[in-house]
Amino acid sequence: MQVPQVVSPEEWQATRDELLAKEKAHMRESDALAAERRRLPAVAFDKDYEFEGPDGRAGLADLFDGRRQLVAYHFMLDPGATPCVGCSCFVDNLGHPAHLNARDT
């Protein structure tokens, strides 16, 4: 196992300050990219999508349950494949929907 180099506190601080500047630049880039993503245009749905749910068939608008927003998580799988463990874990841990419902979602 390789251990880190041992340096003086001043040398460590200078190296840490350089890394912090890089981290802040990276965060600004990430924030700018996220803002650009939020400004993506919307797409109109001109097809009547139908889904099979616990209460039978439902249209896309029915999934909103009277709310303004809908969260959808898209699992991309090969036919016959088992769901991704990471995707499944994320969806399994979304929490109680009351928090989303309070935000009209």
Protein backbone atom coordinates (compact mmCIF):
# COMPACT_ATOMS: atom_id res chain seq x y z
CA MET A 1 0.00 0.00 0.00
CA GLN A 2 1.28 3.43 -0.93
CA VAL A 3 1.12 6.01 1.86
CA PRO A 4 0.93 9.76 1.28
CA GLN A 5 4.04 11.91 1.46
CA VAL A 6 4.63 13.55 4.85
CA VAL A 7 5.14 17.33 4.62
CA SER A 8 5.20 20.37 6.86
CA PRO A 9 1.91 22.02 7.85
CA GLU A 10 2.74 25.00 5.60
CA GLU A 11 3.37 22.75 2.59
CA TRP A 12 0.15 20.85 3.30
CA GLN A 13 -1.82 24.12 3.51
CA ALA A 14 -0.40 25.40 0.21
CA THR A 15 -1.25 22.11 -1.51
CA ARG A 16 -4.70 22.13 0.06
CA ASP A 17 -5.32 25.70 -1.11
CA GLU A 18 -4.41 24.71 -4.69
CA LEU A 19 -6.80 21.77 -4.54
CA LEU A 20 -9.56 23.93 -3.04
CA ALA A 21 -9.23 26.39 -5.95
CA LYS A 22 -9.63 23.48 -8.40
CA GLU A 23 -12.61 22.12 -6.44
CA LYS A 24 -14.34 25.52 -6.50
CA ALA A 25 -13.75 25.88 -10.25
CA HIS A 26 -15.17 22.40 -10.76
CA MET A 27 -18.25 23.27 -8.68
CA ARG A 28 -18.82 26.50 -10.67
CA GLU A 29 -18.63 24.49 -13.91
CA SER A 30 -21.06 21.93 -12.49
CA ASP A 31 -23.47 24.67 -11.38
CA ALA A 32 -23.32 26.29 -14.83
CA LEU A 33 -23.99 22.95 -16.51
CA ALA A 34 -26.95 22.27 -14.18
CA ALA A 35 -28.38 25.74 -14.97
CA GLU A 36 -28.02 25.02 -18.68
CA ARG A 37 -29.84 21.71 -18.21
CA ARG A 38 -32.71 23.49 -16.42
CA ARG A 39 -33.05 25.85 -19.39
CA LEU A 40 -33.61 23.01 -21.86
CA PRO A 41 -36.80 23.53 -23.84
CA ALA A 42 -39.90 21.44 -23.18
CA VAL A 43 -41.33 18.85 -25.55
CA ALA A 44 -45.04 18.61 -26.30
CA PHE A 45 -46.56 15.14 -26.02
CA ASP A 46 -48.89 14.71 -28.96
CA LYS A 47 -49.47 10.99 -28.45
CA ASP A 48 -52.07 9.44 -26.16
CA TYR A 49 -49.92 7.30 -23.88
CA GLU A 50 -51.67 4.58 -21.92
CA PHE A 51 -50.37 2.84 -18.83
CA GLU A 52 -51.57 -0.18 -16.89
CA GLY A 53 -51.82 0.56 -13.18
CA PRO A 54 -53.41 -0.89 -10.05
CA ASP A 55 -56.74 0.70 -10.97
CA GLY A 56 -56.62 -0.32 -14.64
CA ARG A 57 -55.67 1.74 -17.67
CA ALA A 58 -54.59 5.36 -17.18
CA GLY A 59 -53.50 8.14 -19.52
CA LEU A 60 -50.40 10.25 -19.03
CA ALA A 61 -52.38 13.16 -17.52
CA ASP A 62 -53.94 10.75 -15.00
CA LEU A 63 -50.50 9.97 -13.57
CA PHE A 64 -50.20 13.56 -12.33
CA ASP A 65 -53.09 12.92 -9.93
CA GLY A 66 -54.17 16.58 -10.24
CA ARG A 67 -50.71 17.95 -9.50
CA ARG A 68 -48.58 20.29 -11.62
CA GLN A 69 -45.45 18.10 -11.78
CA LEU A 70 -44.69 14.42 -12.33
CA VAL A 71 -41.46 12.65 -11.43
CA ALA A 72 -40.61 9.73 -13.69
CA TYR A 73 -37.56 7.50 -13.37
CA HIS A 74 -36.58 5.69 -16.55
CA PHE A 75 -35.06 2.24 -16.11
CA MET A 76 -33.26 1.27 -19.32
CA LEU A 77 -32.96 -2.50 -19.60
CA ASP A 78 -32.21 -5.08 -22.23
CA PRO A 79 -35.20 -7.36 -22.83
CA GLY A 80 -35.28 -9.97 -20.06
CA ALA A 81 -32.59 -8.21 -17.99
CA THR A 82 -32.86 -7.69 -14.26
CA PRO A 83 -33.11 -4.08 -13.04
CA CYS A 84 -29.93 -2.19 -12.18
CA VAL A 85 -29.08 -2.48 -8.47
CA GLY A 86 -28.18 1.23 -8.28
CA CYS A 87 -31.40 2.39 -9.97
CA SER A 88 -33.47 0.06 -7.82
CA CYS A 89 -31.77 1.28 -4.64
CA PHE A 90 -32.39 4.92 -5.60
CA VAL A 91 -36.09 4.35 -6.26
CA ASP A 92 -36.51 2.16 -3.16
CA ASN A 93 -35.22 5.03 -1.01
CA LEU A 94 -37.28 7.92 -2.39
CA GLY A 95 -39.13 8.30 0.88
CA HIS A 96 -42.72 9.15 1.66
CA PRO A 97 -44.51 10.90 -1.25
CA ALA A 98 -46.07 13.47 1.12
CA HIS A 99 -42.89 15.56 0.79
CA LEU A 100 -43.25 15.63 -3.00
CA ASN A 101 -47.02 16.11 -2.83
CA ALA A 102 -46.53 19.19 -0.65
CA ARG A 103 -44.61 20.68 -3.59
CA ASP A 104 -47.40 19.93 -6.09
CA THR A 105 -45.56 16.87 -7.41
